[in-house]
Amino acid sequence: MNGTMRFIGKLIFIVILLLLLFSFAMFQGGFVSWFLFFGYLPIFLYHFGLLIYPIKKWEVTRSLSHHVIRAGDSVSVAVRVKRKVPYPLYYCICEEIFPSSLNKVDDRKEKYRYLDQPAELQVNRMIKKVVFPGFRKEIELPYRIEQVPRGEHQLHAIRIKTGDVFGFIKKEHVFLVADQLVAYPNECPIHMTERISSFEQGSISSYTLNLKNTNVATGIREYMPGDKFSWIDWKQTARKNSVMTKEFEQEKSTDTMLILDCCYHEGINPLAFEAAIEVTISLLEAIRKQASQVGLVSVGEDAVYFPLHHDPTKKEWMRQHLTRIQPSGKRPFAVKLKEETMKLSSGNIVMIITTLLDDALKESLQQVKQRSKRVIVIFIQAHSLVSQQEYSIIQQLQFEGVAVTMLTEQQLVQNTIEVNVL
């Protein structure tokens, strides 16, 4: 309805201009008056043609150089406009309508220098390109999206504006052009001070960097995707006519469950949460490289559980989940942690990645410690934002036997992040 009213208003405006000149020529007479009238006729016809020219029938497409990237990468984009009727146009403004998920930048580890000022990384992305199409049927507008943040970004619309030289007629249309851009979280090298392992002969966990010392075969089982070729027991495979692999004591003793705090709370540091995501995906890869089984639980409004088992597709599922996840939920992480701990099998090593330490979480960790072989807490926050209460809780947890690693901007900007597991 509004579009129809605007169309009628603009049509009345240009017709009134024509009628004014015609009246002036009729009453004034003379060569000059009629020259102005007939001189305006081509302009009137152009404006009338532009007014009824349907730009919404243009074919607008968008092509991306990559649809799947790493956070911090750049993407080249080309917007192409095709029109069947080459009506002469003086100018054309194309504007990309960016989603709110792209209103920040990611420059890899350098972004953590602003860990205490995450608002510094907020930007208002705006891409506007002006072209002078004239009679051209096809228009191509290239641009780049720099420093793409983590997440699934939906590019859904392009706004195009055009008009006449004098600004009497202005036309605008928003074209729905859907494209998805996925930016996976970055992985950074993780150095764990000691490797986690234990033997059945004792209940005390030992820590060693030598993987071979823990490979004590205790039995056999059927082959599972992800098992190493060297684990195959050829004698049992020939006897049972099915591929069998050796089962190691190390496999039973070093299962690790990562628990990621994705609960929203007042004053949450969004950049610290991004660091928690990157540390989590890096730990998953580091533990997997040590031939240990690792699972993941992300605790937010809903808890998403990735169990402990060898499965090559599990890594991709985890990556996709960590790409999409955002802080959510109204219930505190400490309360949710108690509930989820009861659902997990006991006897595993538990590593908790969080951006908030409080007394409620300390109590929950005591319950987790009773059901786990060992509890490791990775606390991520800007140095200037860590309170005295949190320092006190860290000391109390360490005294109770919980390994705590605090990661601030000083550690996060390093090439390798060290995690204390002792």
Protein backbone atom coordinates (compact mmCIF):
# COMPACT_ATOMS: atom_id res chain seq x y z
CA MET A 1 0.00 0.00 0.00
CA ASN A 2 2.80 2.41 0.91
CA GLY A 3 4.61 1.58 -2.33
CA THR A 4 1.47 2.35 -4.35
CA MET A 5 1.01 5.70 -2.60
CA ARG A 6 4.61 6.66 -3.25
CA PHE A 7 4.23 5.70 -6.92
CA ILE A 8 1.10 7.84 -7.27
CA GLY A 9 2.75 10.74 -5.46
CA LYS A 10 5.80 10.73 -7.74
CA LEU A 11 3.61 10.40 -10.85
CA ILE A 12 1.50 13.39 -9.77
CA PHE A 13 4.68 15.40 -9.10
CA ILE A 14 6.19 14.96 -12.58
CA VAL A 15 2.78 15.49 -14.26
CA ILE A 16 2.30 18.75 -12.33
CA LEU A 17 5.71 19.94 -13.55
CA LEU A 18 4.64 19.20 -17.13
CA LEU A 19 1.29 20.96 -16.68
CA LEU A 20 2.98 24.01 -15.13
CA LEU A 21 5.29 24.41 -18.11
CA PHE A 22 2.39 23.84 -20.51
CA SER A 23 0.30 26.50 -18.74
CA PHE A 24 3.24 28.90 -18.75
CA ALA A 25 3.71 28.37 -22.51
CA MET A 26 -0.03 28.81 -23.20
CA PHE A 27 -0.41 32.04 -21.24
CA GLN A 28 3.03 33.55 -21.86
CA GLY A 29 3.43 32.48 -25.48
CA GLY A 30 6.55 33.13 -27.49
CA PHE A 31 9.48 31.03 -28.57
CA VAL A 32 11.16 30.80 -25.16
CA SER A 33 8.07 29.50 -23.35
CA TRP A 34 7.37 26.77 -25.90
CA PHE A 35 11.07 25.91 -26.09
CA LEU A 36 11.07 25.23 -22.36
CA PHE A 37 7.97 23.10 -22.65
CA PHE A 38 9.21 20.94 -25.54
CA GLY A 39 12.68 20.82 -24.00
CA TYR A 40 11.18 19.31 -20.87
CA LEU A 41 9.24 16.63 -22.78
CA PRO A 42 12.26 14.22 -23.12
CA ILE A 43 12.97 14.67 -19.41
CA PHE A 44 9.32 13.98 -18.62
CA LEU A 45 9.32 10.84 -20.77
CA TYR A 46 12.57 9.62 -19.11
CA HIS A 47 11.19 10.20 -15.63
CA PHE A 48 7.91 8.54 -16.52
CA GLY A 49 9.79 5.54 -17.96
CA LEU A 50 12.01 5.35 -14.88
CA LEU A 51 8.95 5.52 -12.65
CA ILE A 52 7.34 2.46 -14.25
CA TYR A 53 10.67 0.63 -14.78
CA PRO A 54 10.45 -2.54 -12.59
CA ILE A 55 13.85 -2.96 -10.89
CA LYS A 56 12.38 -5.72 -8.74
CA LYS A 57 12.52 -7.97 -11.80
CA TRP A 58 16.30 -7.75 -11.90
CA GLU A 59 18.18 -10.98 -11.32
CA VAL A 60 20.62 -10.51 -8.44
CA THR A 61 23.06 -13.24 -7.39
CA ARG A 62 25.94 -13.44 -4.96
CA SER A 63 28.98 -15.72 -5.19
CA LEU A 64 31.49 -16.37 -2.41
CA SER A 65 35.07 -17.49 -2.91
CA HIS A 66 34.68 -19.86 0.07
CA HIS A 67 31.65 -20.97 2.04
CA VAL A 68 33.63 -22.70 4.81
CA ILE A 69 36.59 -20.92 6.40
CA ARG A 70 38.45 -20.49 9.67
CA ALA A 71 37.63 -17.62 11.99
CA GLY A 72 39.77 -14.63 11.06
CA ASP A 73 39.93 -15.46 7.35
CA SER A 74 38.68 -13.17 4.60
CA VAL A 75 36.19 -13.97 1.85
CA SER A 76 35.87 -12.45 -1.61
CA VAL A 77 32.30 -11.76 -2.68
CA ALA A 78 30.94 -10.85 -6.10
CA VAL A 79 27.42 -9.45 -6.53
CA ARG A 80 26.06 -9.77 -10.07
CA VAL A 81 23.03 -7.91 -11.38
CA LYS A 82 21.35 -8.89 -14.62
CA ARG A 83 18.48 -6.99 -16.24
CA LYS A 84 16.60 -7.78 -19.43
CA VAL A 85 15.68 -4.22 -20.39
CA PRO A 86 18.77 -1.96 -20.56
CA TYR A 87 16.96 1.21 -19.51
CA PRO A 88 19.53 4.01 -19.12
CA LEU A 89 20.38 4.61 -15.47
CA TYR A 90 22.55 7.40 -14.14
CA TYR A 91 23.65 5.62 -10.97
CA CYS A 92 23.04 2.47 -8.97
CA ILE A 93 23.89 1.85 -5.30
CA CYS A 94 24.22 -1.74 -4.12
CA GLU A 95 24.33 -2.41 -0.38
CA GLU A 96 24.96 -5.72 1.36
CA ILE A 97 22.69 -6.19 4.39
CA PHE A 98 24.92 -7.95 6.91
CA PRO A 99 23.54 -10.09 9.76
CA SER A 100 24.28 -9.07 13.33
CA SER A 101 26.60 -12.09 13.69
CA LEU A 102 29.12 -10.30 11.45
CA ASN A 103 29.17 -7.12 13.53
CA LYS A 104 32.53 -7.98 15.06
CA VAL A 105 36.01 -8.81 13.81
CA ASP A 106 38.35 -11.69 14.55
CA ASP A 107 42.07 -11.24 14.04
CA ARG A 108 43.06 -14.61 15.47
CA LYS A 109 45.08 -14.55 18.69
CA GLU A 110 45.68 -10.79 18.46
CA LYS A 111 42.06 -10.18 19.45
CA TYR A 112 42.83 -11.37 22.96
CA ARG A 113 44.83 -8.20 23.59
CA TYR A 114 41.37 -6.67 24.02
CA LEU A 115 40.18 -9.35 26.44
CA ASP A 116 39.33 -6.68 29.00
CA GLN A 117 37.68 -4.48 26.34
CA PRO A 118 35.67 -6.81 24.06
CA ALA A 119 33.59 -3.87 22.77
CA GLU A 120 36.66 -2.70 20.82
CA LEU A 121 36.11 -5.58 18.41
CA GLN A 122 32.51 -4.60 17.63
CA VAL A 123 32.12 -3.04 14.18
CA ASN A 124 29.26 -1.90 12.00
CA ARG A 125 30.01 -3.60 8.71
CA MET A 126 28.73 -1.65 5.74
CA ILE A 127 29.40 -2.35 2.09
CA LYS A 128 28.00 0.14 -0.42
CA LYS A 129 29.10 0.19 -4.03
CA VAL A 130 28.15 2.93 -6.50
CA VAL A 131 28.22 2.17 -10.22
CA PHE A 132 27.07 4.05 -13.32
CA PRO A 133 25.39 1.33 -15.37
CA GLY A 134 24.15 3.38 -18.31
CA PHE A 135 22.78 0.89 -20.85
CA ARG A 136 24.64 -2.16 -19.50
CA LYS A 137 22.62 -5.30 -18.95
CA GLU A 138 25.04 -6.90 -16.49
CA ILE A 139 26.74 -5.31 -13.49
CA GLU A 140 29.35 -6.96 -11.25
CA LEU A 141 30.27 -5.54 -7.85
CA PRO A 142 33.18 -7.24 -6.02
CA TYR A 143 34.04 -6.69 -2.35
CA ARG A 144 35.70 -8.52 0.57
CA ILE A 145 34.56 -9.48 4.04
CA GLU A 146 37.62 -9.18 6.29
CA GLN A 147 38.32 -10.94 9.59
CA VAL A 148 35.20 -13.08 9.70
CA PRO A 149 34.24 -14.11 13.27
CA ARG A 150 33.33 -17.63 14.36
CA GLY A 151 29.81 -18.80 13.60
CA GLU A 152 27.29 -19.58 10.90
CA HIS A 153 26.51 -16.34 9.12
CA GLN A 154 23.42 -16.04 6.93
CA LEU A 155 23.76 -13.48 4.14
CA HIS A 156 20.16 -12.99 3.15
CA ALA A 157 19.55 -9.70 1.33
CA ILE A 158 20.98 -7.04 -0.99
CA ARG A 159 19.50 -3.55 -1.22
CA ILE A 160 19.66 -1.71 -4.57
CA LYS A 161 18.85 1.98 -5.04
CA THR A 162 18.68 4.02 -8.23
CA GLY A 163 17.15 7.26 -9.46
CA ASP A 164 17.39 10.17 -11.86
CA VAL A 165 19.98 12.94 -12.03
CA PHE A 166 17.80 15.54 -10.31
CA GLY A 167 16.60 13.27 -7.52
CA PHE A 168 12.94 13.56 -8.49
CA ILE A 169 12.52 9.80 -8.86
CA LYS A 170 14.17 7.33 -6.44
CA LYS A 171 13.63 3.61 -6.58
CA GLU A 172 14.71 1.00 -4.04
CA HIS A 173 14.26 -2.74 -3.72
CA VAL A 174 15.61 -5.39 -1.36
CA PHE A 175 16.50 -8.64 -3.12
CA LEU A 176 16.44 -11.80 -1.04
CA VAL A 177 19.66 -13.60 -1.88
CA ALA A 178 20.51 -16.37 0.59
CA ASP A 179 24.05 -17.61 1.16
CA GLN A 180 25.66 -19.22 4.17
CA LEU A 181 29.16 -18.53 5.40
CA VAL A 182 30.58 -20.87 8.04
CA ALA A 183 33.64 -19.87 10.07
CA TYR A 184 35.02 -22.72 12.18
CA PRO A 185 36.80 -21.82 15.43
CA ASN A 186 40.57 -21.68 15.32
CA GLU A 187 42.73 -24.39 16.82
CA CYS A 188 45.85 -23.37 18.70
CA PRO A 189 48.71 -25.59 19.91
CA ILE A 190 48.09 -26.87 23.43
CA HIS A 191 50.92 -28.08 25.65
CA MET A 192 49.86 -30.15 28.64
CA THR A 193 52.57 -30.28 31.25
CA GLU A 194 52.23 -34.05 31.71
CA ARG A 195 50.25 -36.74 30.01
CA ILE A 196 47.42 -38.34 31.96
CA SER A 197 47.55 -42.10 32.42
CA SER A 198 47.25 -44.81 35.03
CA PHE A 199 47.53 -48.56 35.41
CA GLU A 200 45.23 -51.07 37.02
CA GLN A 201 47.98 -52.03 39.49
CA GLY A 202 47.30 -48.85 41.47
CA SER A 203 44.61 -46.27 41.92
CA ILE A 204 46.95 -43.27 41.83
CA SER A 205 47.13 -41.56 38.45
CA SER A 206 50.55 -41.20 36.94
CA TYR A 207 51.60 -38.57 34.40
CA THR A 208 54.03 -39.35 31.67
CA LEU A 209 54.90 -38.03 28.25
CA ASN A 210 55.84 -41.48 26.99
CA LEU A 211 52.84 -42.95 25.22
CA LYS A 212 54.37 -46.42 24.77
CA ASN A 213 54.64 -46.97 28.51
CA THR A 214 50.86 -46.97 28.81
CA ASN A 215 50.13 -49.33 25.94
CA VAL A 216 49.61 -52.46 28.03
CA ALA A 217 47.32 -54.82 26.13
CA THR A 218 44.60 -56.28 28.37
CA GLY A 219 42.27 -57.86 25.83
CA ILE A 220 40.76 -57.67 22.38
CA ARG A 221 37.64 -56.18 20.87
CA GLU A 222 36.08 -55.69 17.46
CA TYR A 223 37.56 -53.06 15.18
CA MET A 224 35.97 -49.61 15.40
CA PRO A 225 36.38 -46.70 12.97
CA GLY A 226 39.34 -44.59 14.07
CA ASP A 227 41.45 -47.47 15.45
CA LYS A 228 45.08 -47.45 14.38
CA PHE A 229 46.37 -50.05 11.93
CA SER A 230 49.05 -51.11 14.41
CA TRP A 231 46.42 -52.08 16.99
CA ILE A 232 45.05 -54.97 14.87
CA ASP A 233 45.57 -58.42 16.43
CA TRP A 234 46.19 -60.52 13.33
CA LYS A 235 46.05 -63.91 15.07
CA GLN A 236 42.64 -63.22 16.59
CA THR A 237 41.47 -61.67 13.31
CA ALA A 238 42.32 -64.89 11.44
CA ARG A 239 40.77 -67.06 14.15
CA LYS A 240 37.48 -65.18 14.41
CA ASN A 241 37.27 -64.21 10.72
CA SER A 242 36.61 -60.61 11.81
CA VAL A 243 38.96 -57.68 12.27
CA MET A 244 39.92 -57.53 15.96
CA THR A 245 42.04 -54.90 17.71
CA LYS A 246 43.96 -54.94 20.94
CA GLU A 247 42.40 -53.21 23.91
CA PHE A 248 44.90 -51.30 26.01
CA GLU A 249 44.88 -50.44 29.66
CA GLN A 250 45.66 -46.91 28.58
CA GLU A 251 42.33 -46.81 26.77
CA LYS A 252 40.45 -47.57 29.97
CA SER A 253 42.45 -45.23 32.15
CA THR A 254 42.78 -41.97 30.26
CA ASP A 255 39.26 -41.35 28.99
CA THR A 256 38.75 -37.60 29.24
CA MET A 257 35.50 -35.69 29.28
CA LEU A 258 35.54 -31.99 28.48
CA ILE A 259 32.74 -29.88 29.96
CA LEU A 260 32.27 -26.45 28.39
CA ASP A 261 30.42 -23.71 30.26
CA CYS A 262 27.98 -22.19 27.74
CA CYS A 263 25.60 -20.73 30.31
CA TYR A 264 24.74 -17.07 30.02
CA HIS A 265 25.24 -14.84 33.04
CA GLU A 266 25.13 -11.13 33.65
CA GLY A 267 28.40 -9.45 32.71
CA ILE A 268 29.65 -12.37 30.61
CA ASN A 269 32.79 -11.56 28.65
CA PRO A 270 32.01 -12.55 25.03
CA LEU A 271 35.68 -12.56 24.06
CA ALA A 272 36.55 -14.86 26.97
CA PHE A 273 33.79 -17.18 25.75
CA GLU A 274 35.37 -17.20 22.27
CA ALA A 275 38.67 -18.15 23.91
CA ALA A 276 36.88 -20.98 25.75
CA ILE A 277 35.57 -22.30 22.43
CA GLU A 278 39.04 -22.23 20.85
CA VAL A 279 40.68 -23.84 23.88
CA THR A 280 38.03 -26.56 23.90
CA ILE A 281 38.47 -27.51 20.25
CA SER A 282 42.25 -27.38 20.67
CA LEU A 283 42.12 -29.68 23.70
CA LEU A 284 39.95 -32.14 21.78
CA GLU A 285 42.62 -32.38 19.10
CA ALA A 286 45.55 -32.49 21.54
CA ILE A 287 44.04 -35.32 23.60
CA ARG A 288 43.04 -37.24 20.48
CA LYS A 289 46.62 -37.05 19.19
CA GLN A 290 47.72 -38.78 22.38
CA ALA A 291 45.56 -41.76 21.36
CA SER A 292 43.12 -41.13 24.21
CA GLN A 293 39.37 -41.19 24.00
CA VAL A 294 37.75 -37.83 24.57
CA GLY A 295 34.17 -36.68 24.84
CA LEU A 296 32.48 -33.32 25.14
CA VAL A 297 29.53 -31.88 27.03
CA SER A 298 28.47 -28.30 26.35
CA VAL A 299 26.26 -27.02 29.13
CA GLY A 300 23.98 -24.11 28.24
CA GLU A 301 20.22 -23.84 28.06
CA ASP A 302 20.40 -27.43 26.85
CA ALA A 303 23.22 -29.86 27.44
CA VAL A 304 24.68 -31.40 24.30
CA TYR A 305 26.58 -34.64 24.87
CA PHE A 306 29.23 -36.17 22.60
CA PRO A 307 30.10 -39.57 24.13
CA LEU A 308 33.46 -41.26 24.55
CA HIS A 309 34.15 -43.59 21.65
CA HIS A 310 36.32 -43.82 18.57
CA ASP A 311 34.37 -42.30 15.70
CA PRO A 312 35.95 -40.24 12.88
CA THR A 313 32.67 -38.38 12.29
CA LYS A 314 32.50 -37.28 15.92
CA LYS A 315 35.22 -34.68 15.36
CA GLU A 316 33.21 -33.01 12.59
CA TRP A 317 30.04 -33.02 14.71
CA MET A 318 31.94 -31.36 17.54
CA ARG A 319 33.39 -28.73 15.23
CA GLN A 320 29.98 -27.88 13.84
CA HIS A 321 28.52 -27.66 17.33
CA LEU A 322 31.33 -25.43 18.60
CA THR A 323 30.87 -23.24 15.54
CA ARG A 324 27.21 -22.57 16.27
CA ILE A 325 27.14 -22.49 20.07
CA GLN A 326 26.47 -19.20 21.90
CA PRO A 327 25.93 -18.48 25.61
CA SER A 328 22.34 -19.33 26.54
CA GLY A 329 20.10 -20.26 29.41
CA LYS A 330 19.03 -18.60 32.64
CA ARG A 331 20.12 -21.26 35.13
CA PRO A 332 23.65 -21.01 36.60
CA PHE A 333 26.36 -23.29 35.30
CA ALA A 334 27.01 -24.64 38.80
CA VAL A 335 23.44 -25.99 39.04
CA LYS A 336 23.50 -27.48 35.55
CA LEU A 337 26.90 -29.05 36.21
CA LYS A 338 25.53 -31.00 39.19
CA GLU A 339 22.71 -32.37 37.06
CA GLU A 340 24.90 -33.35 34.13
CA THR A 341 27.58 -34.92 36.32
CA MET A 342 25.08 -37.51 37.54
CA LYS A 343 24.50 -38.57 33.93
CA LEU A 344 28.19 -39.13 33.18
CA SER A 345 30.02 -42.38 33.82
CA SER A 346 32.37 -42.27 36.80
CA GLY A 347 36.12 -42.85 36.73
CA ASN A 348 36.97 -40.48 33.88
CA ILE A 349 39.22 -37.46 33.86
CA VAL A 350 37.06 -34.32 33.73
CA MET A 351 38.29 -31.04 32.28
CA ILE A 352 36.00 -28.04 32.83
CA ILE A 353 36.39 -24.89 30.72
CA THR A 354 34.65 -21.85 32.17
CA THR A 355 34.79 -18.05 32.30
CA LEU A 356 33.28 -17.68 35.78
CA LEU A 357 34.29 -19.01 39.20
CA ASP A 358 32.03 -18.63 42.21
CA ASP A 359 31.25 -20.43 45.46
CA ALA A 360 28.39 -22.38 43.89
CA LEU A 361 30.71 -23.77 41.22
CA LYS A 362 33.28 -24.69 43.85
CA GLU A 363 30.66 -26.81 45.64
CA SER A 364 29.65 -28.45 42.36
CA LEU A 365 33.29 -29.28 41.62
CA GLN A 366 33.51 -31.14 44.91
CA GLN A 367 30.68 -33.40 43.73
CA VAL A 368 32.36 -33.85 40.34
CA LYS A 369 35.62 -34.77 42.09
CA GLN A 370 33.89 -37.61 43.95
CA ARG A 371 32.80 -39.24 40.70
CA SER A 372 35.93 -38.55 38.66
CA LYS A 373 39.47 -39.77 38.64
CA ARG A 374 40.75 -36.23 38.36
CA VAL A 375 39.23 -32.78 37.87
CA ILE A 376 40.99 -30.07 35.88
CA VAL A 377 39.57 -26.54 35.63
CA ILE A 378 40.57 -24.07 32.92
CA PHE A 379 39.48 -20.59 33.90
CA ILE A 380 39.57 -17.94 31.15
CA GLN A 381 39.22 -14.24 31.91
CA ALA A 382 40.98 -10.91 31.45
CA HIS A 383 43.58 -10.28 34.15
CA SER A 384 42.01 -6.99 35.20
CA LEU A 385 38.55 -8.59 35.47
CA VAL A 386 39.53 -11.43 37.81
CA SER A 387 38.16 -10.63 41.27
CA GLN A 388 39.80 -11.34 44.62
CA GLN A 389 37.02 -13.86 45.31
CA GLU A 390 37.99 -15.80 42.17
CA TYR A 391 41.66 -15.79 43.20
CA SER A 392 40.62 -17.14 46.60
CA ILE A 393 38.49 -19.89 45.00
CA ILE A 394 41.42 -20.91 42.79
CA GLN A 395 43.63 -21.34 45.84
CA GLN A 396 40.98 -23.36 47.66
CA LEU A 397 40.44 -25.65 44.66
CA GLN A 398 44.17 -26.26 44.28
CA PHE A 399 44.39 -27.06 47.98
CA GLU A 400 41.61 -29.64 47.54
CA GLY A 401 43.48 -31.33 44.69
CA VAL A 402 41.77 -29.72 41.69
CA ALA A 403 44.21 -28.60 39.00
CA VAL A 404 43.38 -25.04 37.96
CA THR A 405 44.85 -23.20 34.97
CA MET A 406 44.01 -19.53 34.60
CA LEU A 407 44.34 -18.20 31.06
CA THR A 408 44.48 -14.43 30.62
CA GLU A 409 45.40 -12.27 27.64
CA GLN A 410 49.06 -12.86 28.46
CA GLN A 411 48.75 -16.61 27.84
CA LEU A 412 46.19 -16.49 25.03
CA VAL A 413 48.35 -14.35 22.72
CA GLN A 414 51.19 -16.89 22.92
CA ASN A 415 51.82 -19.29 20.05
CA THR A 416 51.36 -22.25 22.41
CA ILE A 417 48.95 -22.37 25.34
CA GLU A 418 50.09 -24.32 28.39
CA VAL A 419 47.57 -26.24 30.48
CA ASN A 420 48.50 -27.63 33.86
CA VAL A 421 47.05 -31.09 34.46
CA LEU A 422 48.85 -31.79 37.74
